[in-house]
Amino acid sequence: MAIRKKSTKSPPVLSHEFVLQNHADIVSCVAMVFLLGLMFEITAKASIIFVTLQYNVTLPATEQATESVSLYYYGIKDLATVFFYMLVAIIIHAVIQEYMLDKINRRMHFSKTKHSKFNESGQLSAFYLFACVWGTFILISEDIPRQLVYIGLYLFHIAGAYLLNLNHLGLVLLVLHYFVEFLFHISRLFYFSNEKYQKGFSLWAVLFVLGRLLTLILSVLTVGFGLARAENQKLDFSTGNFNVLAVRIAVLASICVTQAFMMWKFINFQLRRWREHSAFQAPAVKKKPTVTKGRSSKKGTENGVNGTLTSNVADSPRNKKEKSS
C-alpha cells in the first residue's frame, strides 16, 4: 500500500482553517489600518477614537497632589478602544505562542493533554504578569502611592518587631513617632480653623528632626551595642532567638534607610514651603521718579527767554529816561 503524501496546498481563503492559521496576520493588518489613520489629518480624528480613551477629565494640582491628575469617565466610544486593544492582545497572544510556547513544546514532547494545558498556563501566566505590571504602574501614577508607602512602612516595621521579638524597642519607637505625628495633625487642625496659627508647625519641625535622631540613637544602642554583647547569639526558631549578626545588620539597615527617607521627604517639603512663602511675600520693587530731559530743557528755555525779555525791558530808552528823572 502506497504511503499518502501530506498535502502542501494552502487552505481556501476565508475558510475556517485559513483563519486559524493566519489569524495573527489578519488582525495585524486590521490594527495597522488604525495606526496608519493617525498619520493623515483627514482620518486622524476617527482613528484616535480606537487608540486612546476619550472621556478624560484633568484635575488641577492641589496641596496634596503637586501635579495634575487625569481621570476618565465611561461612554459608548470606549467600545472602539476595547476593540483595538483586543486586536493587540490577539497579536501578543500569537507572538507568545509561536516564538515561545511552540518551541518549548517541540523540545519537551508533551502529550496532547499536557500540550493544551501547557499552552493555556503559558498564555495566562503572560497575561497575569502583564496585568500586574500595568496595574502597578497605574497605582504609581495616581496619588495613591503616598498612602501605600506609609502603610507599607508601618506594616513592615511593626511586623518585623513582632516576628523578631523586638517588642520593647518597637513600642518605644512607635510612641516617639506617634507623638510627633499627633502634634503635626493637631497643628493642621488649628491651621484649618485659623490660617494665622503656624507656631505648631514650627514646633513640629523641630521635634520631627529630634525624633529621627532619637530613633537612630536608640536603635544603635539597643541593637548595635546591647544585643551584640548578649551571651546567646545563636539562631534558634524554637525559642525565638534571632540575635545573630545578619539579623542585627538587617534591622539597623531598615531603620536607617527609613529615617533617611523620612528626612529627605521632610527637607523637600520645607524647601518647597519656603520657596512658596518667599515668592508670596516678596516686596515689590519701588520705582524711582525720573525726570525727563525734555521737560527740564523746556523749563530752562522758558526761564532763559523770560530773563532775556526782562533785561530788554529794563534796558529800553523809556525805562532809562524814567530812571534818570
C-alpha atoms as a PDB file:
ATOM      1  CA  MET A   1       0.000   0.000   0.000  1.00  0.00           C
ATOM      2  CA  ALA A   2       1.477   3.325  -1.060  1.00  0.00           C
ATOM      3  CA  ILE A   3       2.144   5.989   1.587  1.00  0.00           C
ATOM      4  CA  ARG A   4      -0.001   9.079   1.147  1.00  0.00           C
ATOM      5  CA  LYS A   5       1.916  12.323   0.912  1.00  0.00           C
ATOM      6  CA  LYS A   6       0.919  15.267   3.028  1.00  0.00           C
ATOM      7  CA  SER A   7      -0.894  17.957   1.102  1.00  0.00           C
ATOM      8  CA  THR A   8       1.135  21.140   0.754  1.00  0.00           C
ATOM      9  CA  LYS A   9      -1.739  23.117  -0.675  1.00  0.00           C
ATOM     10  CA  SER A  10      -2.835  26.145   1.288  1.00  0.00           C
ATOM     11  CA  PRO A  11      -6.429  26.072   2.546  1.00  0.00           C
ATOM     12  CA  PRO A  12      -9.090  28.091   0.726  1.00  0.00           C
ATOM     13  CA  VAL A  13      -9.220  31.786   1.510  1.00  0.00           C
ATOM     14  CA  LEU A  14     -11.604  32.748   4.317  1.00  0.00           C
ATOM     15  CA  SER A  15     -12.095  29.126   5.286  1.00  0.00           C
ATOM     16  CA  HIS A  16     -12.005  28.053   8.913  1.00  0.00           C
ATOM     17  CA  GLU A  17      -8.550  26.519   8.606  1.00  0.00           C
ATOM     18  CA  PHE A  18      -7.234  29.587   6.785  1.00  0.00           C
ATOM     19  CA  VAL A  19      -8.428  31.914   9.551  1.00  0.00           C
ATOM     20  CA  LEU A  20      -6.880  29.684  12.240  1.00  0.00           C
ATOM     21  CA  GLN A  21      -3.517  29.597  10.515  1.00  0.00           C
ATOM     22  CA  ASN A  22      -3.360  33.291   9.617  1.00  0.00           C
ATOM     23  CA  HIS A  23      -5.452  34.970  12.304  1.00  0.00           C
ATOM     24  CA  ALA A  24      -2.438  36.881  13.674  1.00  0.00           C
ATOM     25  CA  ASP A  25      -1.578  38.294  10.246  1.00  0.00           C
ATOM     26  CA  ILE A  26      -5.190  39.261   9.587  1.00  0.00           C
ATOM     27  CA  VAL A  27      -5.509  41.024  12.935  1.00  0.00           C
ATOM     28  CA  SER A  28      -2.161  42.795  12.434  1.00  0.00           C
ATOM     29  CA  CYS A  29      -3.374  44.206   9.130  1.00  0.00           C
ATOM     30  CA  VAL A  30      -6.570  45.494  10.741  1.00  0.00           C
ATOM     31  CA  ALA A  31      -4.605  47.132  13.588  1.00  0.00           C
ATOM     32  CA  MET A  32      -2.212  48.732  11.103  1.00  0.00           C
ATOM     33  CA  VAL A  33      -5.181  50.385   9.380  1.00  0.00           C
ATOM     34  CA  PHE A  34      -5.983  52.321  12.581  1.00  0.00           C
ATOM     35  CA  LEU A  35      -2.334  53.202  13.187  1.00  0.00           C
ATOM     36  CA  LEU A  36      -1.868  54.446   9.623  1.00  0.00           C
ATOM     37  CA  GLY A  37      -5.004  56.520  10.020  1.00  0.00           C
ATOM     38  CA  LEU A  38      -3.222  58.578  12.690  1.00  0.00           C
ATOM     39  CA  MET A  39      -0.698  59.780  10.119  1.00  0.00           C
ATOM     40  CA  PHE A  40      -3.234  61.633   7.973  1.00  0.00           C
ATOM     41  CA  GLU A  41      -5.216  64.638   9.095  1.00  0.00           C
ATOM     42  CA  ILE A  42      -8.422  63.509   7.413  1.00  0.00           C
ATOM     43  CA  THR A  43      -8.591  60.142   9.211  1.00  0.00           C
ATOM     44  CA  ALA A  44      -6.790  61.069  12.451  1.00  0.00           C
ATOM     45  CA  LYS A  45      -9.967  62.151  14.259  1.00  0.00           C
ATOM     46  CA  ALA A  46     -11.623  58.823  13.540  1.00  0.00           C
ATOM     47  CA  SER A  47      -8.555  56.664  14.247  1.00  0.00           C
ATOM     48  CA  ILE A  48      -7.716  58.272  17.583  1.00  0.00           C
ATOM     49  CA  ILE A  49     -11.039  57.048  18.978  1.00  0.00           C
ATOM     50  CA  PHE A  50      -9.725  53.482  18.685  1.00  0.00           C
ATOM     51  CA  VAL A  51      -6.285  54.197  20.170  1.00  0.00           C
ATOM     52  CA  THR A  52      -6.913  56.454  23.184  1.00  0.00           C
ATOM     53  CA  LEU A  53      -9.667  56.932  25.744  1.00  0.00           C
ATOM     54  CA  GLN A  54     -11.970  59.851  25.004  1.00  0.00           C
ATOM     55  CA  TYR A  55     -13.776  60.701  28.237  1.00  0.00           C
ATOM     56  CA  ASN A  56     -10.866  62.161  30.180  1.00  0.00           C
ATOM     57  CA  VAL A  57     -11.080  64.912  32.809  1.00  0.00           C
ATOM     58  CA  THR A  58      -7.926  66.653  34.065  1.00  0.00           C
ATOM     59  CA  LEU A  59      -7.943  67.737  37.710  1.00  0.00           C
ATOM     60  CA  PRO A  60      -5.699  70.709  38.575  1.00  0.00           C
ATOM     61  CA  ALA A  61      -2.841  70.448  41.069  1.00  0.00           C
ATOM     62  CA  THR A  62      -3.686  70.902  44.762  1.00  0.00           C
ATOM     63  CA  GLU A  63      -1.789  70.985  48.051  1.00  0.00           C
ATOM     64  CA  GLN A  64      -1.975  67.209  48.390  1.00  0.00           C
ATOM     65  CA  ALA A  65      -1.287  66.436  44.704  1.00  0.00           C
ATOM     66  CA  THR A  66       1.534  68.572  43.351  1.00  0.00           C
ATOM     67  CA  GLU A  67       0.800  67.513  39.752  1.00  0.00           C
ATOM     68  CA  SER A  68      -2.371  67.471  37.708  1.00  0.00           C
ATOM     69  CA  VAL A  69      -4.242  64.164  37.550  1.00  0.00           C
ATOM     70  CA  SER A  70      -6.169  62.774  34.566  1.00  0.00           C
ATOM     71  CA  LEU A  71      -9.307  60.774  35.326  1.00  0.00           C
ATOM     72  CA  TYR A  72     -11.688  59.063  32.920  1.00  0.00           C
ATOM     73  CA  TYR A  73     -15.431  58.579  32.583  1.00  0.00           C
ATOM     74  CA  TYR A  74     -17.073  55.843  30.529  1.00  0.00           C
ATOM     75  CA  GLY A  75     -19.047  56.150  27.326  1.00  0.00           C
ATOM     76  CA  ILE A  76     -20.014  54.455  24.076  1.00  0.00           C
ATOM     77  CA  LYS A  77     -16.711  55.401  22.426  1.00  0.00           C
ATOM     78  CA  ASP A  78     -14.865  53.114  24.848  1.00  0.00           C
ATOM     79  CA  LEU A  79     -16.119  50.158  22.807  1.00  0.00           C
ATOM     80  CA  ALA A  80     -13.870  51.261  19.931  1.00  0.00           C
ATOM     81  CA  THR A  81     -10.862  51.412  22.271  1.00  0.00           C
ATOM     82  CA  VAL A  82     -11.685  47.962  23.661  1.00  0.00           C
ATOM     83  CA  PHE A  83     -11.905  46.593  20.116  1.00  0.00           C
ATOM     84  CA  PHE A  84      -8.473  47.961  19.131  1.00  0.00           C
ATOM     85  CA  TYR A  85      -6.689  46.663  22.222  1.00  0.00           C
ATOM     86  CA  MET A  86      -8.413  43.324  21.773  1.00  0.00           C
ATOM     87  CA  LEU A  87      -6.620  43.151  18.432  1.00  0.00           C
ATOM     88  CA  VAL A  88      -3.344  43.998  20.176  1.00  0.00           C
ATOM     89  CA  ALA A  89      -3.955  41.227  22.715  1.00  0.00           C
ATOM     90  CA  ILE A  90      -4.552  38.716  19.913  1.00  0.00           C
ATOM     91  CA  ILE A  91      -1.276  39.728  18.268  1.00  0.00           C
ATOM     92  CA  ILE A  92       0.670  39.361  21.535  1.00  0.00           C
ATOM     93  CA  HIS A  93      -1.046  36.012  22.126  1.00  0.00           C
ATOM     94  CA  ALA A  94       0.098  34.753  18.716  1.00  0.00           C
ATOM     95  CA  VAL A  95       3.662  36.002  19.216  1.00  0.00           C
ATOM     96  CA  ILE A  96       3.964  34.242  22.602  1.00  0.00           C
ATOM     97  CA  GLN A  97       2.522  31.051  21.178  1.00  0.00           C
ATOM     98  CA  GLU A  98       4.725  30.900  18.098  1.00  0.00           C
ATOM     99  CA  TYR A  99       8.065  32.138  19.396  1.00  0.00           C
ATOM    100  CA  MET A 100       7.976  30.778  22.964  1.00  0.00           C
ATOM    101  CA  LEU A 101       5.458  28.056  23.735  1.00  0.00           C
ATOM    102  CA  ASP A 102       5.669  26.124  20.472  1.00  0.00           C
ATOM    103  CA  LYS A 103       9.461  25.947  20.692  1.00  0.00           C
ATOM    104  CA  ILE A 104       9.267  24.579  24.228  1.00  0.00           C
ATOM    105  CA  ASN A 105       6.632  22.045  23.183  1.00  0.00           C
ATOM    106  CA  ARG A 106       8.860  20.687  20.403  1.00  0.00           C
ATOM    107  CA  ARG A 107      11.684  20.090  22.836  1.00  0.00           C
ATOM    108  CA  MET A 108       9.627  18.582  25.654  1.00  0.00           C
ATOM    109  CA  HIS A 109       7.423  16.268  23.506  1.00  0.00           C
ATOM    110  CA  PHE A 110       4.312  16.615  25.645  1.00  0.00           C
ATOM    111  CA  SER A 111       1.210  14.540  25.193  1.00  0.00           C
ATOM    112  CA  LYS A 112      -1.927  16.106  23.757  1.00  0.00           C
ATOM    113  CA  THR A 113      -3.422  16.743  27.211  1.00  0.00           C
ATOM    114  CA  LYS A 114      -0.245  18.251  28.636  1.00  0.00           C
ATOM    115  CA  HIS A 115       0.299  20.170  25.414  1.00  0.00           C
ATOM    116  CA  SER A 116      -3.038  22.002  25.665  1.00  0.00           C
ATOM    117  CA  LYS A 117      -2.688  22.641  29.397  1.00  0.00           C
ATOM    118  CA  PHE A 118       0.868  23.901  28.938  1.00  0.00           C
ATOM    119  CA  ASN A 119      -0.268  26.367  26.284  1.00  0.00           C
ATOM    120  CA  GLU A 120      -3.133  27.536  28.473  1.00  0.00           C
ATOM    121  CA  SER A 121      -0.909  28.082  31.513  1.00  0.00           C
ATOM    122  CA  GLY A 122       1.756  29.807  29.422  1.00  0.00           C
ATOM    123  CA  GLN A 123      -0.724  32.267  27.918  1.00  0.00           C
ATOM    124  CA  LEU A 124      -2.422  33.010  31.239  1.00  0.00           C
ATOM    125  CA  SER A 125       0.918  33.451  33.010  1.00  0.00           C
ATOM    126  CA  ALA A 126       1.950  36.078  30.464  1.00  0.00           C
ATOM    127  CA  PHE A 127      -1.436  37.785  30.785  1.00  0.00           C
ATOM    128  CA  TYR A 128      -1.378  37.924  34.589  1.00  0.00           C
ATOM    129  CA  LEU A 129       2.220  39.155  34.628  1.00  0.00           C
ATOM    130  CA  PHE A 130       1.398  41.929  32.189  1.00  0.00           C
ATOM    131  CA  ALA A 131      -1.744  42.825  34.157  1.00  0.00           C
ATOM    132  CA  CYS A 132       0.199  43.030  37.438  1.00  0.00           C
ATOM    133  CA  VAL A 133       2.892  45.256  35.900  1.00  0.00           C
ATOM    134  CA  TRP A 134       0.340  47.529  34.268  1.00  0.00           C
ATOM    135  CA  GLY A 135      -1.755  47.719  37.441  1.00  0.00           C
ATOM    136  CA  THR A 136       1.323  48.605  39.490  1.00  0.00           C
ATOM    137  CA  PHE A 137       2.170  51.358  37.016  1.00  0.00           C
ATOM    138  CA  ILE A 138      -1.342  52.781  37.360  1.00  0.00           C
ATOM    139  CA  LEU A 139      -1.079  52.737  41.152  1.00  0.00           C
ATOM    140  CA  ILE A 140       2.242  54.561  40.989  1.00  0.00           C
ATOM    141  CA  SER A 141       0.894  57.225  38.617  1.00  0.00           C
ATOM    142  CA  GLU A 142      -2.016  58.204  40.956  1.00  0.00           C
ATOM    143  CA  ASP A 143      -1.950  59.991  44.292  1.00  0.00           C
ATOM    144  CA  ILE A 144      -2.274  56.597  45.908  1.00  0.00           C
ATOM    145  CA  PRO A 145       1.453  55.774  46.306  1.00  0.00           C
ATOM    146  CA  ARG A 146       1.923  58.213  49.180  1.00  0.00           C
ATOM    147  CA  GLN A 147      -0.644  56.373  51.278  1.00  0.00           C
ATOM    148  CA  LEU A 148       0.585  52.956  50.157  1.00  0.00           C
ATOM    149  CA  VAL A 149       4.189  53.803  51.032  1.00  0.00           C
ATOM    150  CA  TYR A 150       3.367  54.900  54.559  1.00  0.00           C
ATOM    151  CA  ILE A 151       1.009  51.988  55.171  1.00  0.00           C
ATOM    152  CA  GLY A 152       3.648  49.585  53.873  1.00  0.00           C
ATOM    153  CA  LEU A 153       6.347  51.111  56.090  1.00  0.00           C
ATOM    154  CA  TYR A 154       4.117  50.847  59.166  1.00  0.00           C
ATOM    155  CA  LEU A 155       3.239  47.222  58.475  1.00  0.00           C
ATOM    156  CA  PHE A 156       6.834  46.286  57.640  1.00  0.00           C
ATOM    157  CA  HIS A 157       8.341  47.703  60.833  1.00  0.00           C
ATOM    158  CA  ILE A 158       5.557  46.582  63.154  1.00  0.00           C
ATOM    159  CA  ALA A 159       5.616  43.056  61.701  1.00  0.00           C
ATOM    160  CA  GLY A 160       9.423  42.991  61.920  1.00  0.00           C
ATOM    161  CA  ALA A 161       9.413  43.994  65.578  1.00  0.00           C
ATOM    162  CA  TYR A 162       6.725  41.382  66.305  1.00  0.00           C
ATOM    163  CA  LEU A 163       8.407  38.492  64.473  1.00  0.00           C
ATOM    164  CA  LEU A 164      11.931  39.234  65.742  1.00  0.00           C
ATOM    165  CA  ASN A 165      10.769  39.679  69.358  1.00  0.00           C
ATOM    166  CA  LEU A 166      11.863  43.335  69.459  1.00  0.00           C
ATOM    167  CA  ASN A 167       8.654  44.359  71.175  1.00  0.00           C
ATOM    168  CA  HIS A 168      10.131  46.823  73.665  1.00  0.00           C
ATOM    169  CA  LEU A 169      12.237  48.657  71.099  1.00  0.00           C
ATOM    170  CA  GLY A 170       9.349  48.735  68.625  1.00  0.00           C
ATOM    171  CA  LEU A 171       6.960  50.100  71.270  1.00  0.00           C
ATOM    172  CA  VAL A 172       9.321  52.914  72.293  1.00  0.00           C
ATOM    173  CA  LEU A 173       9.983  53.930  68.690  1.00  0.00           C
ATOM    174  CA  LEU A 174       6.285  53.834  67.804  1.00  0.00           C
ATOM    175  CA  VAL A 175       5.331  56.030  70.781  1.00  0.00           C
ATOM    176  CA  LEU A 176       8.038  58.515  69.805  1.00  0.00           C
ATOM    177  CA  HIS A 177       6.893  58.578  66.193  1.00  0.00           C
ATOM    178  CA  TYR A 178       3.191  58.750  67.056  1.00  0.00           C
ATOM    179  CA  PHE A 179       3.713  61.739  69.365  1.00  0.00           C
ATOM    180  CA  VAL A 180       5.390  63.729  66.579  1.00  0.00           C
ATOM    181  CA  GLU A 181       2.643  62.790  64.120  1.00  0.00           C
ATOM    182  CA  PHE A 182      -0.029  63.707  66.684  1.00  0.00           C
ATOM    183  CA  LEU A 183       1.480  67.178  67.030  1.00  0.00           C
ATOM    184  CA  PHE A 184       1.552  67.624  63.248  1.00  0.00           C
ATOM    185  CA  HIS A 185      -2.123  66.755  62.763  1.00  0.00           C
ATOM    186  CA  ILE A 186      -3.229  68.862  65.740  1.00  0.00           C
ATOM    187  CA  SER A 187      -1.321  71.806  64.241  1.00  0.00           C
ATOM    188  CA  ARG A 188      -3.012  71.196  60.924  1.00  0.00           C
ATOM    189  CA  LEU A 189      -6.448  71.256  62.558  1.00  0.00           C
ATOM    190  CA  PHE A 190      -5.686  74.596  64.207  1.00  0.00           C
ATOM    191  CA  TYR A 191      -4.327  75.912  60.907  1.00  0.00           C
ATOM    192  CA  PHE A 192      -7.522  74.977  59.081  1.00  0.00           C
ATOM    193  CA  SER A 193      -9.588  76.816  61.689  1.00  0.00           C
ATOM    194  CA  ASN A 194      -7.282  79.866  61.618  1.00  0.00           C
ATOM    195  CA  GLU A 195      -4.618  80.252  58.944  1.00  0.00           C
ATOM    196  CA  LYS A 196      -2.625  82.669  61.098  1.00  0.00           C
ATOM    197  CA  TYR A 197      -1.788  79.876  63.528  1.00  0.00           C
ATOM    198  CA  GLN A 198       1.504  78.398  62.338  1.00  0.00           C
ATOM    199  CA  LYS A 199       3.523  78.078  65.531  1.00  0.00           C
ATOM    200  CA  GLY A 200       2.556  74.425  65.838  1.00  0.00           C
ATOM    201  CA  PHE A 201       4.258  73.610  62.551  1.00  0.00           C
ATOM    202  CA  SER A 202       7.492  75.209  63.729  1.00  0.00           C
ATOM    203  CA  LEU A 203       7.432  73.119  66.909  1.00  0.00           C
ATOM    204  CA  TRP A 204       6.612  70.026  64.878  1.00  0.00           C
ATOM    205  CA  ALA A 205       9.555  70.640  62.537  1.00  0.00           C
ATOM    206  CA  VAL A 206      11.984  70.756  65.469  1.00  0.00           C
ATOM    207  CA  LEU A 207      10.526  67.677  67.138  1.00  0.00           C
ATOM    208  CA  PHE A 208      10.482  65.787  63.828  1.00  0.00           C
ATOM    209  CA  VAL A 209      14.242  66.167  63.423  1.00  0.00           C
ATOM    210  CA  LEU A 210      14.836  65.308  67.082  1.00  0.00           C
ATOM    211  CA  GLY A 211      12.580  62.273  66.734  1.00  0.00           C
ATOM    212  CA  ARG A 212      14.634  60.951  63.843  1.00  0.00           C
ATOM    213  CA  LEU A 213      17.860  61.426  65.795  1.00  0.00           C
ATOM    214  CA  LEU A 214      16.452  59.734  68.898  1.00  0.00           C
ATOM    215  CA  THR A 215      15.208  56.834  66.782  1.00  0.00           C
ATOM    216  CA  LEU A 216      18.659  56.269  65.326  1.00  0.00           C
ATOM    217  CA  ILE A 217      20.378  56.607  68.710  1.00  0.00           C
ATOM    218  CA  LEU A 218      18.039  54.190  70.477  1.00  0.00           C
ATOM    219  CA  SER A 219      18.266  51.665  67.636  1.00  0.00           C
ATOM    220  CA  VAL A 220      22.065  51.720  67.540  1.00  0.00           C
ATOM    221  CA  LEU A 221      22.383  51.470  71.320  1.00  0.00           C
ATOM    222  CA  THR A 222      19.859  48.632  71.582  1.00  0.00           C
ATOM    223  CA  VAL A 223      20.682  46.543  68.521  1.00  0.00           C
ATOM    224  CA  GLY A 224      24.240  47.552  67.753  1.00  0.00           C
ATOM    225  CA  PHE A 225      25.630  47.527  71.291  1.00  0.00           C
ATOM    226  CA  GLY A 226      23.107  45.878  73.620  1.00  0.00           C
ATOM    227  CA  LEU A 227      22.235  42.780  71.633  1.00  0.00           C
ATOM    228  CA  ALA A 228      25.769  42.467  70.306  1.00  0.00           C
ATOM    229  CA  ARG A 229      27.052  41.941  73.867  1.00  0.00           C
ATOM    230  CA  ALA A 230      24.452  39.321  74.779  1.00  0.00           C
ATOM    231  CA  GLU A 231      25.718  35.838  75.573  1.00  0.00           C
ATOM    232  CA  ASN A 232      23.262  33.847  73.475  1.00  0.00           C
ATOM    233  CA  GLN A 233      23.908  34.738  69.832  1.00  0.00           C
ATOM    234  CA  LYS A 234      22.686  31.592  68.102  1.00  0.00           C
ATOM    235  CA  LEU A 235      19.769  31.432  65.695  1.00  0.00           C
ATOM    236  CA  ASP A 236      17.005  29.358  67.293  1.00  0.00           C
ATOM    237  CA  PHE A 237      13.489  29.406  65.810  1.00  0.00           C
ATOM    238  CA  SER A 238      12.004  27.272  68.574  1.00  0.00           C
ATOM    239  CA  THR A 239      12.892  29.752  71.316  1.00  0.00           C
ATOM    240  CA  GLY A 240      12.516  32.816  69.117  1.00  0.00           C
ATOM    241  CA  ASN A 241      16.135  33.893  69.347  1.00  0.00           C
ATOM    242  CA  PHE A 242      17.211  35.881  66.258  1.00  0.00           C
ATOM    243  CA  ASN A 243      20.188  37.604  67.831  1.00  0.00           C
ATOM    244  CA  VAL A 244      22.704  36.989  65.052  1.00  0.00           C
ATOM    245  CA  LEU A 245      24.891  39.415  63.146  1.00  0.00           C
ATOM    246  CA  ALA A 246      22.937  39.211  59.882  1.00  0.00           C
ATOM    247  CA  VAL A 247      19.611  39.974  61.562  1.00  0.00           C
ATOM    248  CA  ARG A 248      21.083  42.875  63.547  1.00  0.00           C
ATOM    249  CA  ILE A 249      22.554  44.390  60.395  1.00  0.00           C
ATOM    250  CA  ALA A 250      19.237  43.993  58.559  1.00  0.00           C
ATOM    251  CA  VAL A 251      17.316  45.657  61.411  1.00  0.00           C
ATOM    252  CA  LEU A 252      19.687  48.608  61.626  1.00  0.00           C
ATOM    253  CA  ALA A 253      19.783  48.995  57.856  1.00  0.00           C
ATOM    254  CA  SER A 254      15.993  49.071  57.575  1.00  0.00           C
ATOM    255  CA  ILE A 255      15.688  51.639  60.369  1.00  0.00           C
ATOM    256  CA  CYS A 256      18.437  53.862  58.961  1.00  0.00           C
ATOM    257  CA  VAL A 257      17.027  53.752  55.419  1.00  0.00           C
ATOM    258  CA  THR A 258      13.541  54.590  56.671  1.00  0.00           C
ATOM    259  CA  GLN A 259      14.762  57.547  58.741  1.00  0.00           C
ATOM    260  CA  ALA A 260      16.831  58.837  55.817  1.00  0.00           C
ATOM    261  CA  PHE A 261      13.790  58.557  53.528  1.00  0.00           C
ATOM    262  CA  MET A 262      11.632  60.483  56.006  1.00  0.00           C
ATOM    263  CA  MET A 263      14.256  63.212  56.398  1.00  0.00           C
ATOM    264  CA  TRP A 264      14.567  63.521  52.629  1.00  0.00           C
ATOM    265  CA  LYS A 265      10.803  63.983  52.284  1.00  0.00           C
ATOM    266  CA  PHE A 266      10.818  66.459  55.169  1.00  0.00           C
ATOM    267  CA  ILE A 267      13.619  68.581  53.667  1.00  0.00           C
ATOM    268  CA  ASN A 268      11.916  68.679  50.268  1.00  0.00           C
ATOM    269  CA  PHE A 269       8.656  69.719  51.911  1.00  0.00           C
ATOM    270  CA  GLN A 270      10.329  72.520  53.876  1.00  0.00           C
ATOM    271  CA  LEU A 271      12.198  73.791  50.821  1.00  0.00           C
ATOM    272  CA  ARG A 272       9.030  73.870  48.733  1.00  0.00           C
ATOM    273  CA  ARG A 273       7.169  75.641  51.503  1.00  0.00           C
ATOM    274  CA  TRP A 274       9.985  78.178  51.911  1.00  0.00           C
ATOM    275  CA  ARG A 275      10.005  78.957  48.186  1.00  0.00           C
ATOM    276  CA  GLU A 276       6.243  79.488  48.129  1.00  0.00           C
ATOM    277  CA  HIS A 277       6.403  81.686  51.216  1.00  0.00           C
ATOM    278  CA  SER A 278       9.257  83.815  49.883  1.00  0.00           C
ATOM    279  CA  ALA A 279       7.587  84.181  46.489  1.00  0.00           C
ATOM    280  CA  PHE A 280       4.305  85.246  48.112  1.00  0.00           C
ATOM    281  CA  GLN A 281       5.837  87.827  50.450  1.00  0.00           C
ATOM    282  CA  ALA A 282       8.479  89.225  48.119  1.00  0.00           C
ATOM    283  CA  PRO A 283       8.355  93.072  48.423  1.00  0.00           C
ATOM    284  CA  ALA A 284       7.562  94.954  45.271  1.00  0.00           C
ATOM    285  CA  VAL A 285      10.445  96.951  43.833  1.00  0.00           C
ATOM    286  CA  LYS A 286       9.735 100.656  44.231  1.00  0.00           C
ATOM    287  CA  LYS A 287      10.234 102.665  41.074  1.00  0.00           C
ATOM    288  CA  LYS A 288      12.248 105.883  41.464  1.00  0.00           C
ATOM    289  CA  PRO A 289      10.713 109.018  39.920  1.00  0.00           C
ATOM    290  CA  THR A 290      12.557 110.004  36.772  1.00  0.00           C
ATOM    291  CA  VAL A 291      12.739 113.483  35.297  1.00  0.00           C
ATOM    292  CA  THR A 292      12.544 113.631  31.537  1.00  0.00           C
ATOM    293  CA  LYS A 293      15.115 115.726  29.751  1.00  0.00           C
ATOM    294  CA  GLY A 294      12.503 117.283  27.525  1.00  0.00           C
ATOM    295  CA  ARG A 295      10.647 118.918  30.398  1.00  0.00           C
ATOM    296  CA  SER A 296      13.799 120.189  32.098  1.00  0.00           C
ATOM    297  CA  SER A 297      15.220 121.691  28.897  1.00  0.00           C
ATOM    298  CA  LYS A 298      11.877 123.215  28.107  1.00  0.00           C
ATOM    299  CA  LYS A 299      11.684 124.680  31.563  1.00  0.00           C
ATOM    300  CA  GLY A 300      15.230 126.036  31.245  1.00  0.00           C
ATOM    301  CA  THR A 301      14.428 127.556  27.853  1.00  0.00           C
ATOM    302  CA  GLU A 302      11.372 129.252  29.270  1.00  0.00           C
ATOM    303  CA  ASN A 303      13.448 130.671  32.137  1.00  0.00           C
ATOM    304  CA  GLY A 304      16.085 131.897  29.662  1.00  0.00           C
ATOM    305  CA  VAL A 305      13.501 133.597  27.452  1.00  0.00           C
ATOM    306  CA  ASN A 306      11.847 135.260  30.439  1.00  0.00           C
ATOM    307  CA  GLY A 307      15.197 136.536  31.700  1.00  0.00           C
ATOM    308  CA  THR A 308      16.105 137.989  28.299  1.00  0.00           C
ATOM    309  CA  LEU A 309      12.762 139.732  27.973  1.00  0.00           C
ATOM    310  CA  THR A 310      13.106 141.166  31.446  1.00  0.00           C
ATOM    311  CA  SER A 311      16.579 142.543  30.740  1.00  0.00           C
ATOM    312  CA  ASN A 312      15.479 144.024  27.408  1.00  0.00           C
ATOM    313  CA  VAL A 313      12.532 145.799  29.007  1.00  0.00           C
ATOM    314  CA  ALA A 314      14.767 147.137  31.748  1.00  0.00           C
ATOM    315  CA  ASP A 315      17.269 148.472  29.203  1.00  0.00           C
ATOM    316  CA  SER A 316      14.661 150.174  26.976  1.00  0.00           C
ATOM    317  CA  PRO A 317      15.056 154.026  26.442  1.00  0.00           C
ATOM    318  CA  ARG A 318      11.799 154.727  28.245  1.00  0.00           C
ATOM    319  CA  ASN A 319      12.968 152.933  31.349  1.00  0.00           C
ATOM    320  CA  LYS A 320      16.329 154.715  31.198  1.00  0.00           C
ATOM    321  CA  LYS A 321      14.553 158.091  30.932  1.00  0.00           C
ATOM    322  CA  GLU A 322      12.375 157.279  33.891  1.00  0.00           C
ATOM    323  CA  LYS A 323      15.384 156.218  35.891  1.00  0.00           C
ATOM    324  CA  SER A 324      17.301 159.420  35.076  1.00  0.00           C
ATOM    325  CA  SER A 325      14.305 161.566  36.038  1.00  0.00           C
END
